[in-house]
């Protein structure tokens, strides 16, 4: 994904959640994938190892990380290590 695709997704969906992860985040990935299955097109998975230019462009410094947009505006940045991260993400997509 490049920065243009990223910004287009932000503009396209009322609520858009980007989940930045790496292969070390497999447990969290599986949990979020389960949520995404029931809410198609609201959670975008971005593998940090395969999207280096995007990571640099948005200045992401840590992972796992969530960027949550509503109506094209960034409303929340969340480090994905909270015990209740699934509940937090569900709050934004329901």
N, C-alpha and C. Protein backbone atom coordinates (compact mmCIF):
# COMPACT_ATOMS: atom_id res chain seq x y z
N UNK A 1 0.85 -1.18 0.00
CA UNK A 1 0.00 0.00 0.00
C UNK A 1 0.90 1.24 0.00
N UNK A 2 0.55 2.18 -0.82
CA UNK A 2 1.30 3.43 -0.81
C UNK A 2 0.45 4.53 -0.13
N UNK A 3 1.04 5.69 0.01
CA UNK A 3 0.37 6.76 0.73
C UNK A 3 -0.91 7.22 0.04
N UNK A 4 -0.93 7.22 -1.27
CA UNK A 4 -2.14 7.61 -2.00
C UNK A 4 -3.28 6.63 -1.74
N UNK A 5 -2.99 5.35 -1.77
CA UNK A 5 -4.01 4.34 -1.46
C UNK A 5 -4.52 4.51 -0.03
N UNK A 6 -3.60 4.77 0.88
CA UNK A 6 -3.92 4.98 2.29
C UNK A 6 -4.91 6.15 2.44
N UNK A 7 -4.58 7.27 1.84
CA UNK A 7 -5.44 8.45 1.96
C UNK A 7 -6.78 8.25 1.26
N UNK A 8 -6.79 7.52 0.16
CA UNK A 8 -8.06 7.23 -0.53
C UNK A 8 -8.97 6.37 0.34
N UNK A 9 -8.41 5.40 1.04
CA UNK A 9 -9.23 4.58 1.94
C UNK A 9 -9.80 5.42 3.07
N UNK A 10 -9.00 6.32 3.60
CA UNK A 10 -9.48 7.22 4.67
C UNK A 10 -10.67 8.03 4.19
N UNK A 11 -10.61 8.49 2.95
CA UNK A 11 -11.69 9.32 2.39
C UNK A 11 -12.91 8.49 2.00
N UNK A 12 -12.71 7.22 1.68
CA UNK A 12 -13.78 6.37 1.15
C UNK A 12 -14.76 5.89 2.22
N UNK A 13 -14.24 5.53 3.37
CA UNK A 13 -15.07 4.92 4.40
C UNK A 13 -15.34 5.88 5.54
N UNK A 14 -16.55 5.83 6.06
CA UNK A 14 -16.91 6.69 7.19
C UNK A 14 -15.99 6.41 8.38
N UNK A 15 -15.80 5.12 8.67
CA UNK A 15 -14.86 4.69 9.71
C UNK A 15 -13.84 3.79 9.05
N UNK A 16 -12.58 4.10 9.22
CA UNK A 16 -11.51 3.31 8.63
C UNK A 16 -10.43 3.08 9.69
N UNK A 17 -10.12 1.81 9.93
CA UNK A 17 -9.12 1.46 10.93
C UNK A 17 -7.95 0.78 10.23
N UNK A 18 -6.76 1.30 10.47
CA UNK A 18 -5.55 0.69 9.93
C UNK A 18 -4.85 -0.03 11.07
N UNK A 19 -4.55 -1.29 10.84
CA UNK A 19 -3.84 -2.12 11.81
C UNK A 19 -2.45 -2.40 11.25
N UNK A 20 -1.44 -1.81 11.87
CA UNK A 20 -0.06 -1.99 11.46
C UNK A 20 0.55 -3.09 12.32
N UNK A 21 1.05 -4.12 11.66
CA UNK A 21 1.53 -5.30 12.38
C UNK A 21 2.76 -5.88 11.69
N UNK A 22 3.37 -6.86 12.35
CA UNK A 22 4.44 -7.65 11.75
C UNK A 22 4.15 -9.12 12.04
N UNK A 23 4.96 -9.99 11.50
CA UNK A 23 4.72 -11.42 11.69
C UNK A 23 4.79 -11.83 13.16
N UNK A 24 5.48 -11.07 13.99
CA UNK A 24 5.55 -11.37 15.42
C UNK A 24 4.21 -11.14 16.13
N UNK A 25 3.30 -10.45 15.48
CA UNK A 25 2.01 -10.10 16.08
C UNK A 25 0.92 -11.10 15.71
N UNK A 26 1.27 -12.36 15.50
CA UNK A 26 0.31 -13.33 14.96
C UNK A 26 -0.91 -13.54 15.84
N UNK A 27 -0.79 -13.52 17.15
CA UNK A 27 -1.96 -13.71 18.02
C UNK A 27 -2.93 -12.54 17.89
N UNK A 28 -2.40 -11.34 17.94
CA UNK A 28 -3.25 -10.16 17.79
C UNK A 28 -3.84 -10.10 16.39
N UNK A 29 -3.05 -10.44 15.39
CA UNK A 29 -3.53 -10.48 14.01
C UNK A 29 -4.76 -11.39 13.91
N UNK A 30 -4.68 -12.57 14.48
CA UNK A 30 -5.80 -13.52 14.43
C UNK A 30 -7.05 -12.95 15.11
N UNK A 31 -6.87 -12.29 16.23
CA UNK A 31 -8.01 -11.70 16.95
C UNK A 31 -8.66 -10.59 16.13
N UNK A 32 -7.85 -9.73 15.55
CA UNK A 32 -8.39 -8.62 14.76
C UNK A 32 -8.99 -9.13 13.46
N UNK A 33 -8.41 -10.16 12.89
CA UNK A 33 -8.95 -10.75 11.66
C UNK A 33 -10.36 -11.28 11.90
N UNK A 34 -10.61 -11.83 13.07
CA UNK A 34 -11.95 -12.30 13.42
C UNK A 34 -12.94 -11.14 13.46
N UNK A 35 -12.54 -10.03 14.00
CA UNK A 35 -13.41 -8.83 14.03
C UNK A 35 -13.64 -8.34 12.61
N UNK A 36 -12.58 -8.29 11.81
CA UNK A 36 -12.66 -7.77 10.44
C UNK A 36 -13.59 -8.61 9.58
N UNK A 37 -13.62 -9.90 9.82
CA UNK A 37 -14.46 -10.79 9.03
C UNK A 37 -15.93 -10.39 9.11
N UNK A 38 -16.36 -9.92 10.26
CA UNK A 38 -17.75 -9.52 10.41
C UNK A 38 -18.00 -8.04 10.07
N UNK A 39 -16.95 -7.29 9.78
CA UNK A 39 -17.07 -5.87 9.44
C UNK A 39 -16.18 -5.55 8.24
N UNK A 40 -16.49 -6.12 7.12
CA UNK A 40 -15.65 -5.97 5.92
C UNK A 40 -15.38 -4.50 5.57
N UNK A 41 -14.15 -4.29 5.10
CA UNK A 41 -13.72 -3.00 4.56
C UNK A 41 -13.59 -1.88 5.59
N UNK A 42 -13.62 -2.20 6.85
CA UNK A 42 -13.41 -1.16 7.84
C UNK A 42 -12.04 -1.28 8.50
N UNK A 43 -11.44 -2.47 8.47
CA UNK A 43 -10.12 -2.66 9.04
C UNK A 43 -9.16 -3.01 7.90
N UNK A 44 -8.12 -2.21 7.79
CA UNK A 44 -7.10 -2.44 6.76
C UNK A 44 -5.84 -2.95 7.45
N UNK A 45 -5.37 -4.10 7.02
CA UNK A 45 -4.18 -4.71 7.60
C UNK A 45 -2.96 -4.26 6.80
N UNK A 46 -1.97 -3.72 7.52
CA UNK A 46 -0.77 -3.21 6.87
C UNK A 46 0.45 -3.88 7.51
N UNK A 47 1.06 -4.78 6.75
CA UNK A 47 2.26 -5.47 7.21
C UNK A 47 3.43 -4.49 7.11
N UNK A 48 4.03 -4.19 8.23
CA UNK A 48 5.09 -3.17 8.24
C UNK A 48 6.32 -3.61 7.45
N UNK A 49 6.52 -4.91 7.31
CA UNK A 49 7.68 -5.40 6.58
C UNK A 49 7.53 -5.25 5.07
N UNK A 50 6.31 -5.09 4.58
CA UNK A 50 6.07 -4.99 3.14
C UNK A 50 5.56 -3.61 2.71
N UNK A 51 5.52 -2.67 3.64
CA UNK A 51 5.00 -1.33 3.34
C UNK A 51 5.91 -0.26 3.93
N UNK A 52 7.18 -0.40 3.72
CA UNK A 52 8.17 0.47 4.35
C UNK A 52 7.99 1.93 3.95
N UNK A 53 7.69 2.20 2.69
CA UNK A 53 7.54 3.60 2.27
C UNK A 53 6.34 4.25 2.96
N UNK A 54 5.25 3.52 3.12
CA UNK A 54 4.09 4.06 3.83
C UNK A 54 4.43 4.31 5.30
N UNK A 55 5.12 3.38 5.92
CA UNK A 55 5.52 3.52 7.32
C UNK A 55 6.35 4.79 7.51
N UNK A 56 7.26 5.03 6.60
CA UNK A 56 8.08 6.24 6.67
C UNK A 56 7.24 7.50 6.45
N UNK A 57 6.34 7.43 5.50
CA UNK A 57 5.50 8.59 5.16
C UNK A 57 4.62 9.03 6.34
N UNK A 58 4.05 8.06 7.04
CA UNK A 58 3.17 8.42 8.16
C UNK A 58 3.92 8.49 9.50
N UNK A 59 5.24 8.22 9.43
CA UNK A 59 6.12 8.33 10.59
C UNK A 59 5.72 7.40 11.74
N UNK A 60 5.39 6.17 11.40
CA UNK A 60 5.04 5.17 12.40
C UNK A 60 6.31 4.73 13.12
N UNK A 61 6.28 4.75 14.44
CA UNK A 61 7.48 4.45 15.24
C UNK A 61 7.40 3.12 15.98
N UNK A 62 6.19 2.58 16.17
CA UNK A 62 6.06 1.34 16.92
C UNK A 62 4.92 0.50 16.35
N UNK A 63 4.87 -0.73 16.76
CA UNK A 63 3.83 -1.64 16.33
C UNK A 63 3.69 -2.74 17.38
N UNK A 64 2.57 -3.40 17.45
CA UNK A 64 1.37 -3.22 16.66
C UNK A 64 0.72 -1.88 16.97
N UNK A 65 0.09 -1.31 15.98
CA UNK A 65 -0.44 0.03 16.12
C UNK A 65 -1.71 0.17 15.29
N UNK A 66 -2.67 0.92 15.83
CA UNK A 66 -3.93 1.19 15.13
C UNK A 66 -4.07 2.69 14.92
N UNK A 67 -4.48 3.06 13.73
CA UNK A 67 -4.86 4.45 13.42
C UNK A 67 -6.32 4.39 13.03
N UNK A 68 -7.14 5.15 13.73
CA UNK A 68 -8.58 5.11 13.51
C UNK A 68 -9.05 6.47 12.99
N UNK A 69 -9.71 6.41 11.83
CA UNK A 69 -10.22 7.61 11.16
C UNK A 69 -11.74 7.56 11.13
N UNK A 70 -12.34 8.70 11.32
CA UNK A 70 -13.79 8.83 11.19
C UNK A 70 -14.07 10.06 10.35
N UNK A 71 -14.85 9.87 9.30
CA UNK A 71 -15.17 10.96 8.37
C UNK A 71 -13.92 11.67 7.87
N UNK A 72 -12.87 10.87 7.60
CA UNK A 72 -11.63 11.41 7.03
C UNK A 72 -10.68 12.07 8.01
N UNK A 73 -11.02 12.02 9.30
CA UNK A 73 -10.19 12.68 10.32
C UNK A 73 -9.64 11.63 11.29
N UNK A 74 -8.35 11.72 11.59
CA UNK A 74 -7.74 10.83 12.56
C UNK A 74 -8.32 11.14 13.93
N UNK A 75 -8.98 10.14 14.53
CA UNK A 75 -9.58 10.38 15.85
C UNK A 75 -8.85 9.67 16.97
N UNK A 76 -8.05 8.65 16.62
CA UNK A 76 -7.35 7.94 17.69
C UNK A 76 -6.17 7.15 17.14
N UNK A 77 -5.08 7.18 17.89
CA UNK A 77 -3.92 6.32 17.68
C UNK A 77 -3.84 5.40 18.89
N UNK A 78 -3.71 4.09 18.66
CA UNK A 78 -3.70 3.15 19.78
C UNK A 78 -2.56 2.16 19.59
N UNK A 79 -1.76 2.00 20.61
CA UNK A 79 -0.77 0.94 20.62
C UNK A 79 -1.53 -0.36 20.88
N UNK A 80 -1.29 -1.38 20.09
CA UNK A 80 -2.09 -2.60 20.12
C UNK A 80 -1.80 -3.58 21.22
N UNK A 81 -1.15 -3.15 22.28
CA UNK A 81 -0.79 -4.08 23.34
C UNK A 81 -1.74 -4.04 24.54
N UNK A 82 -2.82 -3.30 24.44
CA UNK A 82 -3.80 -3.28 25.53
C UNK A 82 -4.50 -4.63 25.62
N UNK A 83 -4.79 -5.08 26.84
CA UNK A 83 -5.47 -6.35 27.03
C UNK A 83 -6.86 -6.36 26.39
N UNK A 84 -7.50 -5.20 26.34
CA UNK A 84 -8.87 -5.11 25.82
C UNK A 84 -8.93 -4.47 24.43
N UNK A 85 -7.87 -4.62 23.65
CA UNK A 85 -7.81 -3.96 22.34
C UNK A 85 -8.95 -4.38 21.43
N UNK A 86 -9.38 -5.63 21.52
CA UNK A 86 -10.49 -6.08 20.67
C UNK A 86 -11.77 -5.30 20.99
N UNK A 87 -12.01 -5.07 22.27
CA UNK A 87 -13.19 -4.30 22.67
C UNK A 87 -13.10 -2.85 22.21
N UNK A 88 -11.92 -2.28 22.28
CA UNK A 88 -11.73 -0.90 21.83
C UNK A 88 -12.02 -0.80 20.33
N UNK A 89 -11.50 -1.74 19.55
CA UNK A 89 -11.71 -1.72 18.10
C UNK A 89 -13.20 -1.93 17.79
N UNK A 90 -13.84 -2.84 18.48
CA UNK A 90 -15.28 -3.07 18.25
C UNK A 90 -16.11 -1.81 18.52
N UNK A 91 -15.73 -1.04 19.51
CA UNK A 91 -16.44 0.21 19.82
C UNK A 91 -16.44 1.17 18.62
N UNK A 92 -15.37 1.17 17.89
CA UNK A 92 -15.23 2.09 16.76
C UNK A 92 -15.95 1.62 15.50
N UNK A 93 -16.17 0.32 15.36
CA UNK A 93 -16.75 -0.17 14.12
C UNK A 93 -18.21 -0.55 14.23
N UNK A 94 -18.81 -0.39 15.40
CA UNK A 94 -20.23 -0.71 15.54
C UNK A 94 -21.06 0.56 15.53
